[in-house]
Amino acid sequence: MNITLTGRQIELTEPIKTHMNASIETLGKYNMDIISVNIVATTQTKKNKEHSVVEYVIKLAHKNSIVIKQSDQDLYAAIDLATSRAQKALRRIHDKDNNHYKDGINEAKSESNLSVNLNEISESMEDEIVPVELSLYKPREVEDVLNDLKDTNKLFEIFLDNDNKTRVLYKRNDGRFGLY
């Protein structure tokens, strides 16, 4: 990693250089291929106040460059803020590279087709018919259905009565029961 420290309209003292180098070393924890880091520190005067401006240019292999410009009244604070923004940008790129975005849909399809044969599953399911007798279609007395409805939390019950008519017994809001 090539490191370039530049001071425009400001003299970079040894404590400033060591602080910049220490902040650059924290960028290495994301295991990105950083080719070079250029830091330009300048001072600007706006409204009769001096501001320190720090600009980071981080060049990554096989990726776009990251450019961060941060200003503050204190040079050390501007360096710290720019470093935290650079860490956030590198973390986003690192997470994007290492997450599920890396696997394409074609790879997922091929993996799923290797483990499951859909033709065998559909053929095995075609021949099997299981007869089930539904209790819904057996004729029931209204009193039996009323007792079942009182015992459960159901709001209604659909059933066939002894005359083979479809009936609905339901709970009303006033606590009584209705019958269709």
N, C-alpha and C. Protein backbone atom coordinates (compact mmCIF):
# COMPACT_ATOMS: atom_id res chain seq x y z
N MET A 1 0.86 -1.16 0.00
CA MET A 1 0.00 0.00 0.00
C MET A 1 0.91 1.23 0.00
N ASN A 2 0.70 2.11 -0.98
CA ASN A 2 1.44 3.36 -1.06
C ASN A 2 0.69 4.44 -0.29
N ILE A 3 1.40 5.14 0.54
CA ILE A 3 0.80 6.19 1.35
C ILE A 3 1.45 7.52 0.98
N THR A 4 0.60 8.51 0.67
CA THR A 4 1.10 9.84 0.34
C THR A 4 0.42 10.84 1.25
N LEU A 5 1.21 11.59 1.98
CA LEU A 5 0.70 12.63 2.88
C LEU A 5 1.12 13.98 2.32
N THR A 6 0.14 14.85 2.08
CA THR A 6 0.42 16.15 1.49
C THR A 6 -0.22 17.24 2.33
N GLY A 7 0.51 18.32 2.50
CA GLY A 7 -0.02 19.47 3.22
C GLY A 7 -0.03 20.69 2.30
N ARG A 8 -1.18 21.28 2.10
CA ARG A 8 -1.31 22.49 1.30
C ARG A 8 -1.66 23.64 2.23
N GLN A 9 -0.85 24.66 2.18
CA GLN A 9 -1.02 25.84 3.03
C GLN A 9 -0.95 25.48 4.51
N ILE A 10 -0.36 24.34 4.80
CA ILE A 10 -0.18 23.89 6.17
C ILE A 10 1.07 23.03 6.23
N GLU A 11 1.79 23.14 7.32
CA GLU A 11 2.98 22.31 7.50
C GLU A 11 2.59 21.07 8.28
N LEU A 12 2.93 19.92 7.72
CA LEU A 12 2.64 18.65 8.38
C LEU A 12 3.77 18.33 9.35
N THR A 13 3.48 18.44 10.63
CA THR A 13 4.48 18.14 11.65
C THR A 13 4.51 16.63 11.89
N GLU A 14 5.48 16.18 12.64
CA GLU A 14 5.60 14.75 12.94
C GLU A 14 4.39 14.20 13.70
N PRO A 15 3.85 14.91 14.70
CA PRO A 15 2.64 14.37 15.36
C PRO A 15 1.45 14.24 14.41
N ILE A 16 1.31 15.17 13.48
CA ILE A 16 0.21 15.08 12.51
C ILE A 16 0.45 13.89 11.58
N LYS A 17 1.67 13.69 11.13
CA LYS A 17 1.99 12.57 10.25
C LYS A 17 1.77 11.23 10.94
N THR A 18 2.16 11.13 12.21
CA THR A 18 1.94 9.86 12.93
C THR A 18 0.45 9.60 13.15
N HIS A 19 -0.31 10.67 13.38
CA HIS A 19 -1.76 10.50 13.54
C HIS A 19 -2.40 10.04 12.23
N MET A 20 -1.95 10.61 11.10
CA MET A 20 -2.47 10.20 9.79
C MET A 20 -2.08 8.75 9.49
N ASN A 21 -0.85 8.38 9.77
CA ASN A 21 -0.41 7.00 9.51
C ASN A 21 -1.16 6.00 10.39
N ALA A 22 -1.41 6.37 11.64
CA ALA A 22 -2.17 5.49 12.53
C ALA A 22 -3.60 5.32 12.03
N SER A 23 -4.19 6.39 11.49
CA SER A 23 -5.55 6.28 10.98
C SER A 23 -5.61 5.45 9.71
N ILE A 24 -4.55 5.50 8.90
CA ILE A 24 -4.51 4.69 7.68
C ILE A 24 -4.36 3.22 8.02
N GLU A 25 -3.60 2.91 9.06
CA GLU A 25 -3.41 1.51 9.44
C GLU A 25 -4.70 0.84 9.87
N THR A 26 -5.67 1.61 10.35
CA THR A 26 -6.95 1.02 10.75
C THR A 26 -7.77 0.57 9.55
N LEU A 27 -7.43 1.06 8.35
CA LEU A 27 -8.18 0.67 7.15
C LEU A 27 -7.79 -0.73 6.67
N GLY A 28 -6.69 -1.26 7.15
CA GLY A 28 -6.23 -2.57 6.71
C GLY A 28 -7.02 -3.74 7.27
N LYS A 29 -7.86 -3.51 8.26
CA LYS A 29 -8.57 -4.63 8.89
C LYS A 29 -9.70 -5.21 8.03
N TYR A 30 -10.06 -4.54 6.93
CA TYR A 30 -11.14 -5.03 6.08
C TYR A 30 -10.65 -5.96 4.98
N ASN A 31 -9.34 -6.20 4.93
CA ASN A 31 -8.74 -7.12 3.96
C ASN A 31 -9.11 -6.78 2.52
N MET A 32 -9.15 -5.51 2.23
CA MET A 32 -9.39 -5.05 0.87
C MET A 32 -8.03 -4.86 0.20
N ASP A 33 -7.99 -4.96 -1.09
CA ASP A 33 -6.74 -4.73 -1.84
C ASP A 33 -6.58 -3.23 -2.06
N ILE A 34 -6.01 -2.56 -1.07
CA ILE A 34 -5.81 -1.12 -1.16
C ILE A 34 -4.48 -0.89 -1.87
N ILE A 35 -4.54 -0.20 -3.01
CA ILE A 35 -3.33 0.08 -3.78
C ILE A 35 -2.62 1.28 -3.19
N SER A 36 -3.37 2.36 -2.99
CA SER A 36 -2.73 3.57 -2.45
C SER A 36 -3.75 4.39 -1.68
N VAL A 37 -3.20 5.18 -0.74
CA VAL A 37 -4.00 6.12 0.03
C VAL A 37 -3.31 7.47 -0.05
N ASN A 38 -4.03 8.45 -0.55
CA ASN A 38 -3.51 9.81 -0.63
C ASN A 38 -4.30 10.67 0.34
N ILE A 39 -3.60 11.37 1.22
CA ILE A 39 -4.25 12.28 2.17
C ILE A 39 -3.71 13.67 1.90
N VAL A 40 -4.66 14.59 1.65
CA VAL A 40 -4.29 15.98 1.41
C VAL A 40 -4.94 16.80 2.51
N ALA A 41 -4.11 17.50 3.27
CA ALA A 41 -4.60 18.36 4.35
C ALA A 41 -4.40 19.82 3.92
N THR A 42 -5.47 20.60 3.99
CA THR A 42 -5.40 22.02 3.63
C THR A 42 -6.11 22.83 4.69
N THR A 43 -5.86 24.14 4.65
CA THR A 43 -6.61 25.07 5.51
C THR A 43 -7.32 26.06 4.61
N GLN A 44 -8.54 26.39 5.00
CA GLN A 44 -9.34 27.36 4.26
C GLN A 44 -9.87 28.39 5.24
N THR A 45 -10.07 29.58 4.75
CA THR A 45 -10.64 30.64 5.57
C THR A 45 -12.01 30.98 5.01
N LYS A 46 -13.03 30.79 5.83
CA LYS A 46 -14.40 31.14 5.46
C LYS A 46 -14.97 31.98 6.58
N LYS A 47 -15.48 33.13 6.21
CA LYS A 47 -16.09 34.05 7.18
C LYS A 47 -15.13 34.36 8.32
N ASN A 48 -13.91 34.62 7.96
CA ASN A 48 -12.85 34.96 8.91
C ASN A 48 -12.55 33.86 9.93
N LYS A 49 -12.87 32.62 9.60
CA LYS A 49 -12.54 31.48 10.46
C LYS A 49 -11.76 30.47 9.64
N GLU A 50 -10.75 29.91 10.24
CA GLU A 50 -9.95 28.91 9.55
C GLU A 50 -10.55 27.52 9.78
N HIS A 51 -10.64 26.77 8.69
CA HIS A 51 -11.12 25.40 8.73
C HIS A 51 -10.05 24.51 8.15
N SER A 52 -9.88 23.38 8.75
CA SER A 52 -8.97 22.37 8.22
C SER A 52 -9.79 21.40 7.39
N VAL A 53 -9.29 21.11 6.21
CA VAL A 53 -9.97 20.20 5.29
C VAL A 53 -9.03 19.04 5.01
N VAL A 54 -9.56 17.82 5.17
CA VAL A 54 -8.78 16.61 4.91
C VAL A 54 -9.49 15.85 3.79
N GLU A 55 -8.72 15.46 2.79
CA GLU A 55 -9.29 14.71 1.67
C GLU A 55 -8.56 13.38 1.55
N TYR A 56 -9.33 12.30 1.62
CA TYR A 56 -8.79 10.94 1.45
C TYR A 56 -9.12 10.49 0.03
N VAL A 57 -8.15 9.92 -0.66
CA VAL A 57 -8.38 9.25 -1.94
C VAL A 57 -7.81 7.84 -1.78
N ILE A 58 -8.71 6.87 -1.73
CA ILE A 58 -8.31 5.47 -1.51
C ILE A 58 -8.55 4.72 -2.82
N LYS A 59 -7.49 4.20 -3.39
CA LYS A 59 -7.59 3.44 -4.64
C LYS A 59 -7.57 1.96 -4.31
N LEU A 60 -8.61 1.26 -4.77
CA LEU A 60 -8.75 -0.17 -4.52
C LEU A 60 -8.52 -0.94 -5.81
N ALA A 61 -7.99 -2.15 -5.70
CA ALA A 61 -7.80 -3.00 -6.87
C ALA A 61 -9.15 -3.53 -7.33
N HIS A 62 -9.41 -3.41 -8.62
CA HIS A 62 -10.62 -3.93 -9.26
C HIS A 62 -11.90 -3.28 -8.75
N LYS A 63 -11.80 -2.12 -8.16
CA LYS A 63 -12.98 -1.40 -7.64
C LYS A 63 -12.80 0.08 -7.95
N ASN A 64 -13.85 0.84 -7.73
CA ASN A 64 -13.77 2.28 -7.88
C ASN A 64 -13.00 2.88 -6.71
N SER A 65 -12.45 4.06 -6.95
CA SER A 65 -11.74 4.76 -5.89
C SER A 65 -12.74 5.38 -4.93
N ILE A 66 -12.31 5.52 -3.69
CA ILE A 66 -13.13 6.15 -2.66
C ILE A 66 -12.54 7.51 -2.38
N VAL A 67 -13.36 8.55 -2.50
CA VAL A 67 -12.92 9.92 -2.24
C VAL A 67 -13.76 10.47 -1.10
N ILE A 68 -13.08 10.93 -0.05
CA ILE A 68 -13.76 11.46 1.13
C ILE A 68 -13.16 12.81 1.44
N LYS A 69 -14.01 13.80 1.58
CA LYS A 69 -13.56 15.14 1.93
C LYS A 69 -14.26 15.56 3.21
N GLN A 70 -13.48 15.92 4.23
CA GLN A 70 -14.04 16.26 5.53
C GLN A 70 -13.40 17.55 6.03
N SER A 71 -14.24 18.45 6.56
CA SER A 71 -13.70 19.69 7.12
C SER A 71 -14.13 19.84 8.57
N ASP A 72 -13.27 20.50 9.34
CA ASP A 72 -13.54 20.76 10.74
C ASP A 72 -12.60 21.88 11.17
N GLN A 73 -12.90 22.48 12.32
CA GLN A 73 -12.03 23.54 12.81
C GLN A 73 -10.70 22.99 13.29
N ASP A 74 -10.71 21.77 13.82
CA ASP A 74 -9.50 21.12 14.31
C ASP A 74 -9.03 20.10 13.27
N LEU A 75 -7.75 20.10 12.98
CA LEU A 75 -7.19 19.19 11.98
C LEU A 75 -7.31 17.74 12.44
N TYR A 76 -7.03 17.47 13.69
CA TYR A 76 -7.11 16.10 14.21
C TYR A 76 -8.55 15.56 14.16
N ALA A 77 -9.52 16.41 14.46
CA ALA A 77 -10.92 16.00 14.39
C ALA A 77 -11.31 15.71 12.95
N ALA A 78 -10.83 16.51 12.01
CA ALA A 78 -11.13 16.27 10.60
C ALA A 78 -10.52 14.95 10.14
N ILE A 79 -9.32 14.64 10.60
CA ILE A 79 -8.68 13.36 10.25
C ILE A 79 -9.49 12.20 10.82
N ASP A 80 -9.93 12.32 12.06
CA ASP A 80 -10.70 11.23 12.69
C ASP A 80 -12.05 11.03 12.00
N LEU A 81 -12.73 12.12 11.65
CA LEU A 81 -14.01 12.00 10.96
C LEU A 81 -13.84 11.39 9.57
N ALA A 82 -12.82 11.81 8.85
CA ALA A 82 -12.57 11.25 7.53
C ALA A 82 -12.21 9.77 7.62
N THR A 83 -11.46 9.39 8.64
CA THR A 83 -11.09 7.99 8.83
C THR A 83 -12.32 7.13 9.12
N SER A 84 -13.21 7.63 9.96
CA SER A 84 -14.42 6.84 10.27
C SER A 84 -15.30 6.70 9.03
N ARG A 85 -15.38 7.75 8.21
CA ARG A 85 -16.15 7.64 6.97
C ARG A 85 -15.51 6.66 5.99
N ALA A 86 -14.19 6.65 5.95
CA ALA A 86 -13.48 5.70 5.08
C ALA A 86 -13.69 4.27 5.56
N GLN A 87 -13.66 4.06 6.88
CA GLN A 87 -13.92 2.73 7.41
C GLN A 87 -15.32 2.26 7.08
N LYS A 88 -16.28 3.17 7.15
CA LYS A 88 -17.66 2.82 6.84
C LYS A 88 -17.79 2.44 5.36
N ALA A 89 -17.14 3.19 4.48
CA ALA A 89 -17.20 2.88 3.05
C ALA A 89 -16.54 1.54 2.75
N LEU A 90 -15.39 1.27 3.36
CA LEU A 90 -14.71 0.00 3.14
C LEU A 90 -15.52 -1.17 3.71
N ARG A 91 -16.17 -0.96 4.85
CA ARG A 91 -16.99 -2.01 5.44
C ARG A 91 -18.16 -2.35 4.52
N ARG A 92 -18.77 -1.33 3.91
CA ARG A 92 -19.88 -1.60 2.98
C ARG A 92 -19.41 -2.39 1.78
N ILE A 93 -18.28 -2.03 1.22
CA ILE A 93 -17.75 -2.76 0.06
C ILE A 93 -17.38 -4.18 0.47
N HIS A 94 -16.77 -4.34 1.62
CA HIS A 94 -16.39 -5.67 2.11
C HIS A 94 -17.62 -6.55 2.34
N ASP A 95 -18.66 -6.00 2.96
CA ASP A 95 -19.88 -6.77 3.21
C ASP A 95 -20.58 -7.13 1.91
N LYS A 96 -20.56 -6.22 0.96
CA LYS A 96 -21.19 -6.48 -0.32
C LYS A 96 -20.48 -7.59 -1.06
N ASP A 97 -19.15 -7.64 -0.97
CA ASP A 97 -18.39 -8.69 -1.64
C ASP A 97 -18.56 -10.03 -0.98
N ASN A 98 -18.71 -10.07 0.33
CA ASN A 98 -18.71 -11.34 1.06
C ASN A 98 -20.09 -11.90 1.35
N ASN A 99 -21.14 -11.19 1.02
CA ASN A 99 -22.49 -11.68 1.33
C ASN A 99 -23.06 -12.47 0.18
N HIS A 100 -24.35 -12.65 0.18
CA HIS A 100 -25.06 -13.47 -0.78
C HIS A 100 -25.05 -12.90 -2.19
N TYR A 101 -24.60 -11.69 -2.37
CA TYR A 101 -24.59 -11.11 -3.70
C TYR A 101 -23.59 -11.82 -4.61
N LYS A 102 -22.66 -12.53 -4.04
CA LYS A 102 -21.62 -13.18 -4.81
C LYS A 102 -22.16 -14.38 -5.58
N ASP A 103 -23.10 -15.10 -5.03
CA ASP A 103 -23.67 -16.26 -5.69
C ASP A 103 -24.74 -15.82 -6.67
N GLY A 104 -24.63 -16.29 -7.88
CA GLY A 104 -25.63 -15.97 -8.89
C GLY A 104 -26.79 -16.94 -8.83
N ILE A 105 -27.84 -16.62 -9.55
CA ILE A 105 -29.03 -17.47 -9.53
C ILE A 105 -28.78 -18.77 -10.30
N ASN A 106 -27.92 -18.74 -11.29
CA ASN A 106 -27.63 -19.96 -12.04
C ASN A 106 -26.92 -20.99 -11.18
N GLU A 107 -26.01 -20.53 -10.30
CA GLU A 107 -25.33 -21.47 -9.41
C GLU A 107 -26.31 -22.08 -8.43
N ALA A 108 -27.24 -21.30 -7.94
CA ALA A 108 -28.23 -21.82 -6.99
C ALA A 108 -29.14 -22.83 -7.67
N LYS A 109 -29.52 -22.57 -8.91
CA LYS A 109 -30.37 -23.51 -9.65
C LYS A 109 -29.64 -24.83 -9.88
N SER A 110 -28.39 -24.75 -10.27
CA SER A 110 -27.65 -25.97 -10.55
C SER A 110 -27.44 -26.80 -9.28
N GLU A 111 -27.21 -26.14 -8.15
CA GLU A 111 -27.06 -26.87 -6.89
C GLU A 111 -28.36 -27.55 -6.48
N SER A 112 -29.49 -26.88 -6.68
CA SER A 112 -30.76 -27.48 -6.29
C SER A 112 -31.13 -28.63 -7.22
N ASN A 113 -30.78 -28.54 -8.48
CA ASN A 113 -31.11 -29.62 -9.42
C ASN A 113 -30.27 -30.86 -9.17
N LEU A 114 -29.10 -30.69 -8.64
CA LEU A 114 -28.26 -31.85 -8.36
C LEU A 114 -28.81 -32.71 -7.24
N SER A 115 -29.40 -32.09 -6.25
CA SER A 115 -29.83 -32.84 -5.08
C SER A 115 -31.26 -33.38 -5.19
N VAL A 116 -32.10 -32.82 -6.08
CA VAL A 116 -33.51 -33.22 -6.14
C VAL A 116 -33.87 -33.56 -7.58
N ASN A 117 -34.47 -34.73 -7.77
CA ASN A 117 -34.98 -35.12 -9.08
C ASN A 117 -36.49 -35.00 -9.04
N LEU A 118 -37.02 -33.98 -9.71
CA LEU A 118 -38.45 -33.70 -9.63
C LEU A 118 -39.29 -34.75 -10.35
N ASN A 119 -38.76 -35.39 -11.40
CA ASN A 119 -39.53 -36.41 -12.12
C ASN A 119 -39.82 -37.61 -11.23
N GLU A 120 -38.84 -38.05 -10.46
CA GLU A 120 -39.05 -39.20 -9.57
C GLU A 120 -40.05 -38.88 -8.48
N ILE A 121 -40.00 -37.68 -7.98
CA ILE A 121 -40.93 -37.29 -6.92
C ILE A 121 -42.35 -37.22 -7.45
N SER A 122 -42.55 -36.66 -8.65
CA SER A 122 -43.90 -36.55 -9.20
C SER A 122 -44.47 -37.93 -9.56
N GLU A 123 -43.63 -38.85 -10.05
CA GLU A 123 -44.10 -40.20 -10.37
C GLU A 123 -44.48 -40.97 -9.11
N SER A 124 -43.75 -40.77 -8.04
CA SER A 124 -44.07 -41.49 -6.81
C SER A 124 -45.35 -40.96 -6.18
N MET A 125 -45.70 -39.73 -6.43
CA MET A 125 -46.90 -39.15 -5.83
C MET A 125 -48.15 -39.42 -6.65
N GLU A 126 -48.03 -39.75 -7.93
CA GLU A 126 -49.19 -39.94 -8.80
C GLU A 126 -50.03 -41.15 -8.42
N ASP A 127 -49.42 -42.26 -8.06
CA ASP A 127 -50.14 -43.51 -7.87
C ASP A 127 -50.81 -43.63 -6.51
N GLU A 128 -50.49 -42.80 -5.59
CA GLU A 128 -50.98 -42.97 -4.23
C GLU A 128 -52.25 -42.15 -4.01
N ILE A 129 -53.36 -42.85 -3.72
CA ILE A 129 -54.63 -42.20 -3.40
C ILE A 129 -55.07 -42.73 -2.05
N VAL A 130 -55.33 -41.81 -1.14
CA VAL A 130 -55.72 -42.20 0.21
C VAL A 130 -57.14 -41.71 0.44
N PRO A 131 -58.11 -42.65 0.59
CA PRO A 131 -59.49 -42.21 0.85
C PRO A 131 -59.64 -41.74 2.30
N VAL A 132 -60.33 -40.62 2.47
CA VAL A 132 -60.54 -40.06 3.79
C VAL A 132 -62.03 -39.77 3.93
N GLU A 133 -62.59 -40.20 5.05
CA GLU A 133 -64.00 -39.93 5.32
C GLU A 133 -64.08 -38.67 6.17
N LEU A 134 -64.74 -37.67 5.64
CA LEU A 134 -64.83 -36.40 6.33
C LEU A 134 -65.98 -36.41 7.32
N SER A 135 -65.74 -35.93 8.50
CA SER A 135 -66.79 -35.87 9.51
C SER A 135 -67.73 -34.71 9.23
N LEU A 136 -67.35 -33.82 8.34
CA LEU A 136 -68.18 -32.66 8.01
C LEU A 136 -69.48 -33.09 7.33
N TYR A 137 -69.44 -34.18 6.58
CA TYR A 137 -70.59 -34.59 5.80
C TYR A 137 -71.49 -35.60 6.51
N LYS A 138 -71.18 -35.97 7.73
CA LYS A 138 -72.06 -36.85 8.48
C LYS A 138 -73.18 -36.02 9.08
N PRO A 139 -74.42 -36.50 9.03
CA PRO A 139 -75.52 -35.74 9.64
C PRO A 139 -75.33 -35.66 11.16
N ARG A 140 -75.63 -34.46 11.71
CA ARG A 140 -75.46 -34.24 13.15
C ARG A 140 -76.67 -33.54 13.71
N GLU A 141 -76.89 -33.73 14.96
CA GLU A 141 -77.96 -33.05 15.66
C GLU A 141 -77.52 -31.63 16.02
N VAL A 142 -78.46 -30.71 16.09
CA VAL A 142 -78.16 -29.32 16.41
C VAL A 142 -77.63 -29.21 17.83
N GLU A 143 -78.17 -30.01 18.75
CA GLU A 143 -77.72 -29.96 20.14
C GLU A 143 -76.27 -30.41 20.29
N ASP A 144 -75.86 -31.44 19.51
CA ASP A 144 -74.47 -31.90 19.56
C ASP A 144 -73.52 -30.81 19.06
N VAL A 145 -73.93 -30.15 17.98
CA VAL A 145 -73.09 -29.09 17.42
C VAL A 145 -73.03 -27.92 18.40
N LEU A 146 -74.14 -27.61 19.08
CA LEU A 146 -74.18 -26.53 20.05
C LEU A 146 -73.23 -26.82 21.22
N ASN A 147 -73.22 -28.06 21.71
CA ASN A 147 -72.32 -28.43 22.80
C ASN A 147 -70.85 -28.34 22.35
N ASP A 148 -70.56 -28.76 21.12
CA ASP A 148 -69.19 -28.66 20.61
C ASP A 148 -68.75 -27.20 20.46
N LEU A 149 -69.68 -26.35 20.03
CA LEU A 149 -69.37 -24.94 19.83
C LEU A 149 -69.13 -24.24 21.17
N LYS A 150 -69.86 -24.63 22.21
CA LYS A 150 -69.65 -24.06 23.54
C LYS A 150 -68.30 -24.47 24.12
N ASP A 151 -67.85 -25.69 23.82
CA ASP A 151 -66.60 -26.19 24.38
C ASP A 151 -65.36 -25.61 23.70
N THR A 152 -65.50 -25.11 22.47
CA THR A 152 -64.34 -24.61 21.73
C THR A 152 -64.41 -23.09 21.62
N ASN A 153 -63.35 -22.52 21.03
CA ASN A 153 -63.29 -21.07 20.80
C ASN A 153 -63.76 -20.69 19.41
N LYS A 154 -64.34 -21.63 18.68
CA LYS A 154 -64.81 -21.36 17.33
C LYS A 154 -65.99 -20.39 17.37
N LEU A 155 -66.10 -19.60 16.30
CA LEU A 155 -67.22 -18.65 16.21
C LEU A 155 -68.41 -19.25 15.49
N PHE A 156 -68.18 -20.27 14.64
CA PHE A 156 -69.29 -20.90 13.92
C PHE A 156 -68.91 -22.33 13.59
N GLU A 157 -69.91 -23.11 13.21
CA GLU A 157 -69.73 -24.50 12.80
C GLU A 157 -70.68 -24.77 11.65
N ILE A 158 -70.18 -25.35 10.57
CA ILE A 158 -70.98 -25.72 9.41
C ILE A 158 -71.19 -27.23 9.48
N PHE A 159 -72.44 -27.68 9.28
CA PHE A 159 -72.73 -29.11 9.40
C PHE A 159 -73.97 -29.44 8.58
N LEU A 160 -74.21 -30.75 8.42
CA LEU A 160 -75.44 -31.24 7.79
C LEU A 160 -76.36 -31.75 8.91
N ASP A 161 -77.63 -31.34 8.84
CA ASP A 161 -78.56 -31.84 9.85
C ASP A 161 -79.16 -33.16 9.37
N ASN A 162 -80.12 -33.72 10.11
CA ASN A 162 -80.70 -35.02 9.79
C ASN A 162 -81.50 -35.01 8.50
N ASP A 163 -81.91 -33.84 8.02
CA ASP A 163 -82.65 -33.72 6.76
C ASP A 163 -81.71 -33.46 5.57
N ASN A 164 -80.39 -33.63 5.76
CA ASN A 164 -79.36 -33.37 4.76
C ASN A 164 -79.35 -31.94 4.24
N LYS A 165 -79.66 -30.98 5.12
CA LYS A 165 -79.56 -29.57 4.80
C LYS A 165 -78.28 -29.02 5.42
N THR A 166 -77.58 -28.18 4.68
CA THR A 166 -76.37 -27.56 5.21
C THR A 166 -76.79 -26.45 6.16
N ARG A 167 -76.29 -26.48 7.37
CA ARG A 167 -76.66 -25.52 8.40
C ARG A 167 -75.41 -24.86 8.96
N VAL A 168 -75.59 -23.67 9.51
CA VAL A 168 -74.51 -22.95 10.17
C VAL A 168 -75.00 -22.53 11.55
N LEU A 169 -74.27 -22.91 12.58
CA LEU A 169 -74.56 -22.49 13.94
C LEU A 169 -73.44 -21.54 14.35
N TYR A 170 -73.82 -20.35 14.82
CA TYR A 170 -72.80 -19.33 15.10
C TYR A 170 -73.09 -18.65 16.43
N LYS A 171 -71.99 -18.08 17.02
CA LYS A 171 -72.11 -17.32 18.25
C LYS A 171 -72.43 -15.88 17.90
N ARG A 172 -73.38 -15.31 18.58
CA ARG A 172 -73.73 -13.90 18.36
C ARG A 172 -72.98 -13.03 19.35
N ASN A 173 -73.03 -11.73 19.11
CA ASN A 173 -72.33 -10.78 19.99
C ASN A 173 -72.97 -10.68 21.37
N ASP A 174 -74.26 -10.96 21.48
CA ASP A 174 -74.94 -10.85 22.78
C ASP A 174 -74.81 -12.11 23.62
N GLY A 175 -74.01 -13.11 23.15
CA GLY A 175 -73.80 -14.32 23.93
C GLY A 175 -74.72 -15.46 23.56
N ARG A 176 -75.73 -15.20 22.75
CA ARG A 176 -76.64 -16.26 22.32
C ARG A 176 -76.13 -16.87 21.01
N PHE A 177 -76.85 -17.85 20.50
CA PHE A 177 -76.42 -18.57 19.29
C PHE A 177 -77.47 -18.38 18.21
N GLY A 178 -76.99 -18.35 16.94
CA GLY A 178 -77.88 -18.25 15.79
C GLY A 178 -77.72 -19.46 14.93
N LEU A 179 -78.77 -19.77 14.13
CA LEU A 179 -78.77 -20.95 13.29
C LEU A 179 -79.30 -20.57 11.91
N TYR A 180 -78.55 -20.87 10.89
CA TYR A 180 -79.00 -20.71 9.51
C TYR A 180 -79.39 -22.04 8.97
